[in-house]
Amino acid sequence: MNVKELAEKFGLEVAAGQKGLEREIRGGFCGDLLSDVMGKAPEACIWLTVQGHQNIVAVAVLRDMAGVIICGYCPDLETKQKADQEGMPVLTWSGSVFDLAGRIYAEIN
């Protein structure tokens, strides 16, 4: 499944990084402590977080992720601009990380 298909299936809003929507998803990761995410998130994962600042884009690019889903919050303007510049999809979900993670896990595993 790619990021665009995931967004459509779960009704996620694409906030930025539309150029990267064809990235393939090969797993997932949930976390908000950036150092933990940098050390443990797998390549090509979809990352679920509540963080909305631009550092999430840097971490996602560093780990070569498929994309980021911000749960319960909206990204700030700088985050959107950085995601567009890097081609890193940033999506939003109004519900909880727990709920969406369970739904995604059931779909891609």
PDB file of N, CA and C in Angstrom:
ATOM      1  N   MET A   1       0.852  -1.173   0.000  1.00  0.00           N
ATOM      2  CA  MET A   1       0.000   0.000   0.000  1.00  0.00           C
ATOM      3  C   MET A   1       0.893   1.230   0.000  1.00  0.00           C
ATOM      4  N   ASN A   2       0.501   2.244  -0.764  1.00  0.00           N
ATOM      5  CA  ASN A   2       1.263   3.488  -0.730  1.00  0.00           C
ATOM      6  C   ASN A   2       0.535   4.530   0.136  1.00  0.00           C
ATOM      7  N   VAL A   3       1.179   5.662   0.347  1.00  0.00           N
ATOM      8  CA  VAL A   3       0.646   6.695   1.245  1.00  0.00           C
ATOM      9  C   VAL A   3      -0.683   7.235   0.725  1.00  0.00           C
ATOM     10  N   LYS A   4      -0.792   7.433  -0.564  1.00  0.00           N
ATOM     11  CA  LYS A   4      -2.040   7.940  -1.138  1.00  0.00           C
ATOM     12  C   LYS A   4      -3.195   6.978  -0.885  1.00  0.00           C
ATOM     13  N   GLU A   5      -2.962   5.689  -1.084  1.00  0.00           N
ATOM     14  CA  GLU A   5      -3.999   4.681  -0.838  1.00  0.00           C
ATOM     15  C   GLU A   5      -4.403   4.645   0.630  1.00  0.00           C
ATOM     16  N   LEU A   6      -3.410   4.773   1.521  1.00  0.00           N
ATOM     17  CA  LEU A   6      -3.693   4.797   2.962  1.00  0.00           C
ATOM     18  C   LEU A   6      -4.554   5.999   3.318  1.00  0.00           C
ATOM     19  N   ALA A   7      -4.195   7.162   2.774  1.00  0.00           N
ATOM     20  CA  ALA A   7      -4.953   8.389   3.054  1.00  0.00           C
ATOM     21  C   ALA A   7      -6.405   8.247   2.608  1.00  0.00           C
ATOM     22  N   GLU A   8      -6.597   7.691   1.431  1.00  0.00           N
ATOM     23  CA  GLU A   8      -7.957   7.514   0.914  1.00  0.00           C
ATOM     24  C   GLU A   8      -8.749   6.508   1.742  1.00  0.00           C
ATOM     25  N   LYS A   9      -8.111   5.400   2.098  1.00  0.00           N
ATOM     26  CA  LYS A   9      -8.793   4.339   2.843  1.00  0.00           C
ATOM     27  C   LYS A   9      -9.270   4.797   4.217  1.00  0.00           C
ATOM     28  N   PHE A  10      -8.455   5.603   4.890  1.00  0.00           N
ATOM     29  CA  PHE A  10      -8.772   6.001   6.262  1.00  0.00           C
ATOM     30  C   PHE A  10      -9.252   7.448   6.397  1.00  0.00           C
ATOM     31  N   GLY A  11      -9.450   8.135   5.295  1.00  0.00           N
ATOM     32  CA  GLY A  11      -9.944   9.499   5.338  1.00  0.00           C
ATOM     33  C   GLY A  11      -8.975  10.475   5.969  1.00  0.00           C
ATOM     34  N   LEU A  12      -7.691  10.281   5.707  1.00  0.00           N
ATOM     35  CA  LEU A  12      -6.663  11.172   6.247  1.00  0.00           C
ATOM     36  C   LEU A  12      -6.533  12.399   5.359  1.00  0.00           C
ATOM     37  N   GLU A  13      -6.287  13.519   5.971  1.00  0.00           N
ATOM     38  CA  GLU A  13      -6.091  14.756   5.209  1.00  0.00           C
ATOM     39  C   GLU A  13      -4.613  14.900   4.874  1.00  0.00           C
ATOM     40  N   VAL A  14      -4.310  15.189   3.631  1.00  0.00           N
ATOM     41  CA  VAL A  14      -2.932  15.441   3.220  1.00  0.00           C
ATOM     42  C   VAL A  14      -2.644  16.914   3.504  1.00  0.00           C
ATOM     43  N   ALA A  15      -1.780  17.156   4.488  1.00  0.00           N
ATOM     44  CA  ALA A  15      -1.458  18.523   4.885  1.00  0.00           C
ATOM     45  C   ALA A  15      -0.298  19.092   4.074  1.00  0.00           C
ATOM     46  N   ALA A  16       0.608  18.215   3.622  1.00  0.00           N
ATOM     47  CA  ALA A  16       1.791  18.672   2.887  1.00  0.00           C
ATOM     48  C   ALA A  16       2.500  17.475   2.273  1.00  0.00           C
ATOM     49  N   GLY A  17       3.460  17.771   1.417  1.00  0.00           N
ATOM     50  CA  GLY A  17       4.295  16.732   0.835  1.00  0.00           C
ATOM     51  C   GLY A  17       3.611  15.874  -0.212  1.00  0.00           C
ATOM     52  N   GLN A  18       2.720  16.468  -0.973  1.00  0.00           N
ATOM     53  CA  GLN A  18       1.956  15.728  -1.978  1.00  0.00           C
ATOM     54  C   GLN A  18       2.848  15.008  -2.984  1.00  0.00           C
ATOM     55  N   LYS A  19       4.050  15.498  -3.230  1.00  0.00           N
ATOM     56  CA  LYS A  19       4.948  14.859  -4.203  1.00  0.00           C
ATOM     57  C   LYS A  19       5.359  13.452  -3.778  1.00  0.00           C
ATOM     58  N   GLY A  20       5.244  13.141  -2.503  1.00  0.00           N
ATOM     59  CA  GLY A  20       5.685  11.835  -2.016  1.00  0.00           C
ATOM     60  C   GLY A  20       4.563  10.836  -1.776  1.00  0.00           C
ATOM     61  N   LEU A  21       3.369  11.122  -2.253  1.00  0.00           N
ATOM     62  CA  LEU A  21       2.226  10.256  -1.947  1.00  0.00           C
ATOM     63  C   LEU A  21       2.314   8.858  -2.543  1.00  0.00           C
ATOM     64  N   GLU A  22       3.190   8.641  -3.491  1.00  0.00           N
ATOM     65  CA  GLU A  22       3.334   7.306  -4.085  1.00  0.00           C
ATOM     66  C   GLU A  22       4.329   6.420  -3.317  1.00  0.00           C
ATOM     67  N   ARG A  23       4.904   6.929  -2.235  1.00  0.00           N
ATOM     68  CA  ARG A  23       5.848   6.135  -1.440  1.00  0.00           C
ATOM     69  C   ARG A  23       5.154   4.895  -0.890  1.00  0.00           C
ATOM     70  N   GLU A  24       5.835   3.754  -0.983  1.00  0.00           N
ATOM     71  CA  GLU A  24       5.298   2.494  -0.475  1.00  0.00           C
ATOM     72  C   GLU A  24       5.488   2.415   1.043  1.00  0.00           C
ATOM     73  N   ILE A  25       4.480   1.887   1.713  1.00  0.00           N
ATOM     74  CA  ILE A  25       4.525   1.698   3.167  1.00  0.00           C
ATOM     75  C   ILE A  25       4.852   0.237   3.445  1.00  0.00           C
ATOM     76  N   ARG A  26       5.908  -0.001   4.235  1.00  0.00           N
ATOM     77  CA  ARG A  26       6.301  -1.365   4.582  1.00  0.00           C
ATOM     78  C   ARG A  26       6.285  -1.611   6.082  1.00  0.00           C
ATOM     79  N   GLY A  27       5.563  -0.800   6.809  1.00  0.00           N
ATOM     80  CA  GLY A  27       5.478  -0.970   8.254  1.00  0.00           C
ATOM     81  C   GLY A  27       4.991   0.293   8.906  1.00  0.00           C
ATOM     82  N   GLY A  28       5.000   0.290  10.219  1.00  0.00           N
ATOM     83  CA  GLY A  28       4.545   1.458  10.950  1.00  0.00           C
ATOM     84  C   GLY A  28       5.363   1.675  12.200  1.00  0.00           C
ATOM     85  N   PHE A  29       5.256   2.876  12.758  1.00  0.00           N
ATOM     86  CA  PHE A  29       5.933   3.213  14.004  1.00  0.00           C
ATOM     87  C   PHE A  29       5.133   4.284  14.711  1.00  0.00           C
ATOM     88  N   CYS A  30       4.958   4.127  16.010  1.00  0.00           N
ATOM     89  CA  CYS A  30       4.271   5.134  16.839  1.00  0.00           C
ATOM     90  C   CYS A  30       5.270   5.656  17.857  1.00  0.00           C
ATOM     91  N   GLY A  31       5.359   6.961  17.982  1.00  0.00           N
ATOM     92  CA  GLY A  31       6.254   7.526  18.974  1.00  0.00           C
ATOM     93  C   GLY A  31       6.315   9.030  18.873  1.00  0.00           C
ATOM     94  N   ASP A  32       6.667   9.654  19.985  1.00  0.00           N
ATOM     95  CA  ASP A  32       6.727  11.106  20.043  1.00  0.00           C
ATOM     96  C   ASP A  32       8.087  11.628  20.514  1.00  0.00           C
ATOM     97  N   LEU A  33       8.906  10.755  21.054  1.00  0.00           N
ATOM     98  CA  LEU A  33      10.246  11.145  21.489  1.00  0.00           C
ATOM     99  C   LEU A  33      11.175  11.027  20.273  1.00  0.00           C
ATOM    100  N   LEU A  34      11.584  12.159  19.729  1.00  0.00           N
ATOM    101  CA  LEU A  34      12.291  12.164  18.451  1.00  0.00           C
ATOM    102  C   LEU A  34      13.557  11.321  18.465  1.00  0.00           C
ATOM    103  N   SER A  35      14.301  11.323  19.554  1.00  0.00           N
ATOM    104  CA  SER A  35      15.523  10.512  19.604  1.00  0.00           C
ATOM    105  C   SER A  35      15.193   9.023  19.526  1.00  0.00           C
ATOM    106  N   ASP A  36      14.093   8.617  20.107  1.00  0.00           N
ATOM    107  CA  ASP A  36      13.658   7.218  20.035  1.00  0.00           C
ATOM    108  C   ASP A  36      13.253   6.861  18.606  1.00  0.00           C
ATOM    109  N   VAL A  37      12.528   7.751  17.971  1.00  0.00           N
ATOM    110  CA  VAL A  37      12.097   7.530  16.588  1.00  0.00           C
ATOM    111  C   VAL A  37      13.311   7.446  15.672  1.00  0.00           C
ATOM    112  N   MET A  38      14.281   8.337  15.864  1.00  0.00           N
ATOM    113  CA  MET A  38      15.488   8.320  15.035  1.00  0.00           C
ATOM    114  C   MET A  38      16.249   7.011  15.177  1.00  0.00           C
ATOM    115  N   GLY A  39      16.219   6.425  16.349  1.00  0.00           N
ATOM    116  CA  GLY A  39      16.973   5.203  16.592  1.00  0.00           C
ATOM    117  C   GLY A  39      16.241   3.923  16.261  1.00  0.00           C
ATOM    118  N   LYS A  40      14.909   3.959  16.204  1.00  0.00           N
ATOM    119  CA  LYS A  40      14.160   2.706  16.096  1.00  0.00           C
ATOM    120  C   LYS A  40      13.185   2.590  14.931  1.00  0.00           C
ATOM    121  N   ALA A  41      12.781   3.684  14.334  1.00  0.00           N
ATOM    122  CA  ALA A  41      11.784   3.610  13.261  1.00  0.00           C
ATOM    123  C   ALA A  41      12.393   2.949  12.024  1.00  0.00           C
ATOM    124  N   PRO A  42      11.682   1.993  11.421  1.00  0.00           N
ATOM    125  CA  PRO A  42      12.216   1.332  10.232  1.00  0.00           C
ATOM    126  C   PRO A  42      12.040   2.175   8.968  1.00  0.00           C
ATOM    127  N   GLU A  43      12.855   1.900   7.974  1.00  0.00           N
ATOM    128  CA  GLU A  43      12.711   2.541   6.668  1.00  0.00           C
ATOM    129  C   GLU A  43      11.341   2.227   6.083  1.00  0.00           C
ATOM    130  N   ALA A  44      10.827   3.149   5.320  1.00  0.00           N
ATOM    131  CA  ALA A  44       9.565   2.997   4.583  1.00  0.00           C
ATOM    132  C   ALA A  44       8.355   2.796   5.495  1.00  0.00           C
ATOM    133  N   CYS A  45       8.478   3.206   6.756  1.00  0.00           N
ATOM    134  CA  CYS A  45       7.336   3.087   7.662  1.00  0.00           C
ATOM    135  C   CYS A  45       6.448   4.322   7.555  1.00  0.00           C
ATOM    136  N   ILE A  46       5.247   4.183   8.063  1.00  0.00           N
ATOM    137  CA  ILE A  46       4.367   5.331   8.262  1.00  0.00           C
ATOM    138  C   ILE A  46       4.452   5.625   9.757  1.00  0.00           C
ATOM    139  N   TRP A  47       4.770   6.853  10.109  1.00  0.00           N
ATOM    140  CA  TRP A  47       5.016   7.240  11.495  1.00  0.00           C
ATOM    141  C   TRP A  47       3.805   7.988  12.027  1.00  0.00           C
ATOM    142  N   LEU A  48       3.261   7.506  13.145  1.00  0.00           N
ATOM    143  CA  LEU A  48       2.147   8.164  13.818  1.00  0.00           C
ATOM    144  C   LEU A  48       2.676   8.898  15.040  1.00  0.00           C
ATOM    145  N   THR A  49       2.343  10.179  15.159  1.00  0.00           N
ATOM    146  CA  THR A  49       2.846  11.025  16.234  1.00  0.00           C
ATOM    147  C   THR A  49       1.834  12.112  16.567  1.00  0.00           C
ATOM    148  N   VAL A  50       2.050  12.780  17.692  1.00  0.00           N
ATOM    149  CA  VAL A  50       1.259  13.967  18.018  1.00  0.00           C
ATOM    150  C   VAL A  50       2.083  15.239  17.803  1.00  0.00           C
ATOM    151  N   GLN A  51       3.351  15.071  17.445  1.00  0.00           N
ATOM    152  CA  GLN A  51       4.227  16.217  17.198  1.00  0.00           C
ATOM    153  C   GLN A  51       3.828  16.904  15.895  1.00  0.00           C
ATOM    154  N   GLY A  52       3.868  18.229  15.890  1.00  0.00           N
ATOM    155  CA  GLY A  52       3.500  18.964  14.688  1.00  0.00           C
ATOM    156  C   GLY A  52       4.539  19.959  14.214  1.00  0.00           C
ATOM    157  N   HIS A  53       5.713  19.980  14.856  1.00  0.00           N
ATOM    158  CA  HIS A  53       6.736  20.959  14.489  1.00  0.00           C
ATOM    159  C   HIS A  53       7.642  20.407  13.392  1.00  0.00           C
ATOM    160  N   GLN A  54       8.421  21.266  12.778  1.00  0.00           N
ATOM    161  CA  GLN A  54       9.177  20.900  11.585  1.00  0.00           C
ATOM    162  C   GLN A  54      10.251  19.839  11.815  1.00  0.00           C
ATOM    163  N   ASN A  55      10.654  19.587  13.041  1.00  0.00           N
ATOM    164  CA  ASN A  55      11.666  18.558  13.284  1.00  0.00           C
ATOM    165  C   ASN A  55      11.174  17.165  12.893  1.00  0.00           C
ATOM    166  N   ILE A  56       9.862  16.962  12.852  1.00  0.00           N
ATOM    167  CA  ILE A  56       9.362  15.644  12.450  1.00  0.00           C
ATOM    168  C   ILE A  56       9.711  15.356  10.996  1.00  0.00           C
ATOM    169  N   VAL A  57       9.753  16.377  10.174  1.00  0.00           N
ATOM    170  CA  VAL A  57      10.097  16.188   8.765  1.00  0.00           C
ATOM    171  C   VAL A  57      11.559  15.782   8.652  1.00  0.00           C
ATOM    172  N   ALA A  58      12.421  16.417   9.397  1.00  0.00           N
ATOM    173  CA  ALA A  58      13.839  16.066   9.374  1.00  0.00           C
ATOM    174  C   ALA A  58      14.056  14.620   9.804  1.00  0.00           C
ATOM    175  N   VAL A  59      13.367  14.199  10.842  1.00  0.00           N
ATOM    176  CA  VAL A  59      13.488  12.817  11.316  1.00  0.00           C
ATOM    177  C   VAL A  59      12.945  11.842  10.266  1.00  0.00           C
ATOM    178  N   ALA A  60      11.825  12.165   9.672  1.00  0.00           N
ATOM    179  CA  ALA A  60      11.238  11.293   8.649  1.00  0.00           C
ATOM    180  C   ALA A  60      12.160  11.155   7.441  1.00  0.00           C
ATOM    181  N   VAL A  61      12.792  12.233   7.031  1.00  0.00           N
ATOM    182  CA  VAL A  61      13.730  12.190   5.907  1.00  0.00           C
ATOM    183  C   VAL A  61      14.963  11.379   6.298  1.00  0.00           C
ATOM    184  N   LEU A  62      15.485  11.620   7.484  1.00  0.00           N
ATOM    185  CA  LEU A  62      16.664  10.900   7.973  1.00  0.00           C
ATOM    186  C   LEU A  62      16.436   9.397   7.980  1.00  0.00           C
ATOM    187  N   ARG A  63      15.251   8.963   8.379  1.00  0.00           N
ATOM    188  CA  ARG A  63      14.928   7.527   8.469  1.00  0.00           C
ATOM    189  C   ARG A  63      14.338   6.991   7.168  1.00  0.00           C
ATOM    190  N   ASP A  64      14.231   7.813   6.148  1.00  0.00           N
ATOM    191  CA  ASP A  64      13.674   7.421   4.851  1.00  0.00           C
ATOM    192  C   ASP A  64      12.296   6.780   5.021  1.00  0.00           C
ATOM    193  N   MET A  65      11.434   7.474   5.738  1.00  0.00           N
ATOM    194  CA  MET A  65      10.076   6.992   5.995  1.00  0.00           C
ATOM    195  C   MET A  65       9.183   7.202   4.780  1.00  0.00           C
ATOM    196  N   ALA A  66       8.066   6.495   4.782  1.00  0.00           N
ATOM    197  CA  ALA A  66       7.063   6.691   3.728  1.00  0.00           C
ATOM    198  C   ALA A  66       6.282   7.970   3.977  1.00  0.00           C
ATOM    199  N   GLY A  67       6.050   8.306   5.242  1.00  0.00           N
ATOM    200  CA  GLY A  67       5.296   9.502   5.574  1.00  0.00           C
ATOM    201  C   GLY A  67       5.036   9.607   7.062  1.00  0.00           C
ATOM    202  N   VAL A  68       4.397  10.701   7.445  1.00  0.00           N
ATOM    203  CA  VAL A  68       4.087  10.997   8.844  1.00  0.00           C
ATOM    204  C   VAL A  68       2.600  11.295   8.959  1.00  0.00           C
ATOM    205  N   ILE A  69       1.980  10.750   9.995  1.00  0.00           N
ATOM    206  CA  ILE A  69       0.595  11.092  10.309  1.00  0.00           C
ATOM    207  C   ILE A  69       0.581  11.764  11.669  1.00  0.00           C
ATOM    208  N   ILE A  70       0.101  12.989  11.710  1.00  0.00           N
ATOM    209  CA  ILE A  70      -0.041  13.720  12.959  1.00  0.00           C
ATOM    210  C   ILE A  70      -1.461  13.473  13.468  1.00  0.00           C
ATOM    211  N   CYS A  71      -1.557  12.909  14.660  1.00  0.00           N
ATOM    212  CA  CYS A  71      -2.857  12.528  15.218  1.00  0.00           C
ATOM    213  C   CYS A  71      -3.319  13.528  16.271  1.00  0.00           C
ATOM    214  N   GLY A  72      -4.499  14.069  16.062  1.00  0.00           N
ATOM    215  CA  GLY A  72      -5.102  14.966  17.036  1.00  0.00           C
ATOM    216  C   GLY A  72      -4.649  16.408  16.976  1.00  0.00           C
ATOM    217  N   TYR A  73      -3.718  16.711  16.128  1.00  0.00           N
ATOM    218  CA  TYR A  73      -3.165  18.061  16.008  1.00  0.00           C
ATOM    219  C   TYR A  73      -2.943  18.384  14.540  1.00  0.00           C
ATOM    220  N   CYS A  74      -2.628  19.643  14.265  1.00  0.00           N
ATOM    221  CA  CYS A  74      -2.323  20.080  12.907  1.00  0.00           C
ATOM    222  C   CYS A  74      -0.880  20.559  12.849  1.00  0.00           C
ATOM    223  N   PRO A  75      -0.203  20.333  11.733  1.00  0.00           N
ATOM    224  CA  PRO A  75       1.172  20.814  11.611  1.00  0.00           C
ATOM    225  C   PRO A  75       1.201  22.333  11.482  1.00  0.00           C
ATOM    226  N   ASP A  76       2.275  22.929  11.985  1.00  0.00           N
ATOM    227  CA  ASP A  76       2.410  24.378  11.834  1.00  0.00           C
ATOM    228  C   ASP A  76       2.894  24.705  10.417  1.00  0.00           C
ATOM    229  N   LEU A  77       2.885  25.959  10.074  1.00  0.00           N
ATOM    230  CA  LEU A  77       3.225  26.411   8.725  1.00  0.00           C
ATOM    231  C   LEU A  77       4.639  25.989   8.329  1.00  0.00           C
ATOM    232  N   GLU A  78       5.593  26.123   9.240  1.00  0.00           N
ATOM    233  CA  GLU A  78       6.973  25.750   8.934  1.00  0.00           C
ATOM    234  C   GLU A  78       7.089  24.267   8.615  1.00  0.00           C
ATOM    235  N   THR A  79       6.313  23.446   9.310  1.00  0.00           N
ATOM    236  CA  THR A  79       6.321  22.008   9.056  1.00  0.00           C
ATOM    237  C   THR A  79       5.788  21.712   7.663  1.00  0.00           C
ATOM    238  N   LYS A  80       4.709  22.359   7.287  1.00  0.00           N
ATOM    239  CA  LYS A  80       4.145  22.163   5.954  1.00  0.00           C
ATOM    240  C   LYS A  80       5.137  22.580   4.876  1.00  0.00           C
ATOM    241  N   GLN A  81       5.773  23.705   5.077  1.00  0.00           N
ATOM    242  CA  GLN A  81       6.736  24.195   4.091  1.00  0.00           C
ATOM    243  C   GLN A  81       7.917  23.239   3.955  1.00  0.00           C
ATOM    244  N   LYS A  82       8.428  22.761   5.076  1.00  0.00           N
ATOM    245  CA  LYS A  82       9.565  21.833   5.064  1.00  0.00           C
ATOM    246  C   LYS A  82       9.162  20.509   4.408  1.00  0.00           C
ATOM    247  N   ALA A  83       7.977  20.012   4.693  1.00  0.00           N
ATOM    248  CA  ALA A  83       7.498  18.761   4.102  1.00  0.00           C
ATOM    249  C   ALA A  83       7.342  18.903   2.591  1.00  0.00           C
ATOM    250  N   ASP A  84       6.811  20.019   2.146  1.00  0.00           N
ATOM    251  CA  ASP A  84       6.685  20.259   0.704  1.00  0.00           C
ATOM    252  C   ASP A  84       8.061  20.314   0.046  1.00  0.00           C
ATOM    253  N   GLN A  85       8.993  20.986   0.686  1.00  0.00           N
ATOM    254  CA  GLN A  85      10.352  21.108   0.159  1.00  0.00           C
ATOM    255  C   GLN A  85      11.020  19.737   0.042  1.00  0.00           C
ATOM    256  N   GLU A  86      10.800  18.872   1.027  1.00  0.00           N
ATOM    257  CA  GLU A  86      11.447  17.555   1.060  1.00  0.00           C
ATOM    258  C   GLU A  86      10.647  16.473   0.331  1.00  0.00           C
ATOM    259  N   GLY A  87       9.401  16.778  -0.032  1.00  0.00           N
ATOM    260  CA  GLY A  87       8.553  15.763  -0.653  1.00  0.00           C
ATOM    261  C   GLY A  87       8.145  14.674   0.316  1.00  0.00           C
ATOM    262  N   MET A  88       8.054  15.018   1.599  1.00  0.00           N
ATOM    263  CA  MET A  88       7.686  14.059   2.644  1.00  0.00           C
ATOM    264  C   MET A  88       6.205  14.238   2.983  1.00  0.00           C
ATOM    265  N   PRO A  89       5.396  13.235   2.717  1.00  0.00           N
ATOM    266  CA  PRO A  89       3.971  13.357   3.026  1.00  0.00           C
ATOM    267  C   PRO A  89       3.715  13.530   4.521  1.00  0.00           C
ATOM    268  N   VAL A  90       2.928  14.536   4.847  1.00  0.00           N
ATOM    269  CA  VAL A  90       2.456  14.754   6.213  1.00  0.00           C
ATOM    270  C   VAL A  90       0.933  14.750   6.141  1.00  0.00           C
ATOM    271  N   LEU A  91       0.348  13.807   6.856  1.00  0.00           N
ATOM    272  CA  LEU A  91      -1.097  13.637   6.882  1.00  0.00           C
ATOM    273  C   LEU A  91      -1.611  13.964   8.270  1.00  0.00           C
ATOM    274  N   THR A  92      -2.911  14.228   8.374  1.00  0.00           N
ATOM    275  CA  THR A  92      -3.494  14.466   9.688  1.00  0.00           C
ATOM    276  C   THR A  92      -4.693  13.551   9.904  1.00  0.00           C
ATOM    277  N   TRP A  93      -4.918  13.245  11.166  1.00  0.00           N
ATOM    278  CA  TRP A  93      -6.019  12.397  11.630  1.00  0.00           C
ATOM    279  C   TRP A  93      -6.551  13.044  12.894  1.00  0.00           C
ATOM    280  N   SER A  94      -7.848  13.222  12.997  1.00  0.00           N
ATOM    281  CA  SER A  94      -8.413  13.931  14.153  1.00  0.00           C
ATOM    282  C   SER A  94      -8.542  13.048  15.390  1.00  0.00           C
ATOM    283  N   GLY A  95      -8.468  11.739  15.225  1.00  0.00           N
ATOM    284  CA  GLY A  95      -8.637  10.819  16.346  1.00  0.00           C
ATOM    285  C   GLY A  95      -7.329  10.492  17.052  1.00  0.00           C
ATOM    286  N   SER A  96      -7.364   9.407  17.805  1.00  0.00           N
ATOM    287  CA  SER A  96      -6.208   9.013  18.614  1.00  0.00           C
ATOM    288  C   SER A  96      -5.220   8.159  17.827  1.00  0.00           C
ATOM    289  N   VAL A  97      -3.976   8.186  18.265  1.00  0.00           N
ATOM    290  CA  VAL A  97      -2.934   7.347  17.689  1.00  0.00           C
ATOM    291  C   VAL A  97      -3.310   5.879  17.866  1.00  0.00           C
ATOM    292  N   PHE A  98      -3.793   5.527  19.034  1.00  0.00           N
ATOM    293  CA  PHE A  98      -4.155   4.143  19.342  1.00  0.00           C
ATOM    294  C   PHE A  98      -5.165   3.599  18.341  1.00  0.00           C
ATOM    295  N   ASP A  99      -6.207   4.342  18.100  1.00  0.00           N
ATOM    296  CA  ASP A  99      -7.259   3.912  17.184  1.00  0.00           C
ATOM    297  C   ASP A  99      -6.728   3.733  15.764  1.00  0.00           C
ATOM    298  N   LEU A 100      -6.020   4.723  15.258  1.00  0.00           N
ATOM    299  CA  LEU A 100      -5.527   4.650  13.886  1.00  0.00           C
ATOM    300  C   LEU A 100      -4.457   3.580  13.731  1.00  0.00           C
ATOM    301  N   ALA A 101      -3.584   3.430  14.713  1.00  0.00           N
ATOM    302  CA  ALA A 101      -2.540   2.406  14.628  1.00  0.00           C
ATOM    303  C   ALA A 101      -3.160   1.017  14.501  1.00  0.00           C
ATOM    304  N   GLY A 102      -4.202   0.759  15.268  1.00  0.00           N
ATOM    305  CA  GLY A 102      -4.875  -0.538  15.179  1.00  0.00           C
ATOM    306  C   GLY A 102      -5.487  -0.777  13.815  1.00  0.00           C
ATOM    307  N   ARG A 103      -6.094   0.237  13.273  1.00  0.00           N
ATOM    308  CA  ARG A 103      -6.713   0.111  11.946  1.00  0.00           C
ATOM    309  C   ARG A 103      -5.665  -0.119  10.855  1.00  0.00           C
ATOM    310  N   ILE A 104      -4.577   0.626  10.918  1.00  0.00           N
ATOM    311  CA  ILE A 104      -3.520   0.470   9.924  1.00  0.00           C
ATOM    312  C   ILE A 104      -2.867  -0.901  10.056  1.00  0.00           C
ATOM    313  N   TYR A 105      -2.593  -1.307  11.265  1.00  0.00           N
ATOM    314  CA  TYR A 105      -1.955  -2.617  11.492  1.00  0.00           C
ATOM    315  C   TYR A 105      -2.796  -3.733  10.887  1.00  0.00           C
ATOM    316  N   ALA A 106      -4.091  -3.675  11.100  1.00  0.00           N
ATOM    317  CA  ALA A 106      -4.980  -4.698  10.564  1.00  0.00           C
ATOM    318  C   ALA A 106      -4.979  -4.691   9.029  1.00  0.00           C
ATOM    319  N   GLU A 107      -4.750  -3.547   8.439  1.00  0.00           N
ATOM    320  CA  GLU A 107      -4.791  -3.428   6.981  1.00  0.00           C
ATOM    321  C   GLU A 107      -3.499  -3.875   6.306  1.00  0.00           C
ATOM    322  N   ILE A 108      -2.341  -3.549   6.880  1.00  0.00           N
ATOM    323  CA  ILE A 108      -1.097  -3.810   6.168  1.00  0.00           C
ATOM    324  C   ILE A 108      -0.372  -5.069   6.644  1.00  0.00           C
ATOM    325  N   ASN A 109      -0.873  -5.745   7.637  1.00  0.00           N
ATOM    326  CA  ASN A 109      -0.221  -6.988   8.091  1.00  0.00           C
ATOM    327  C   ASN A 109      -1.043  -8.201   7.785  1.00  0.00           C
TER     328      ASN A 109
END
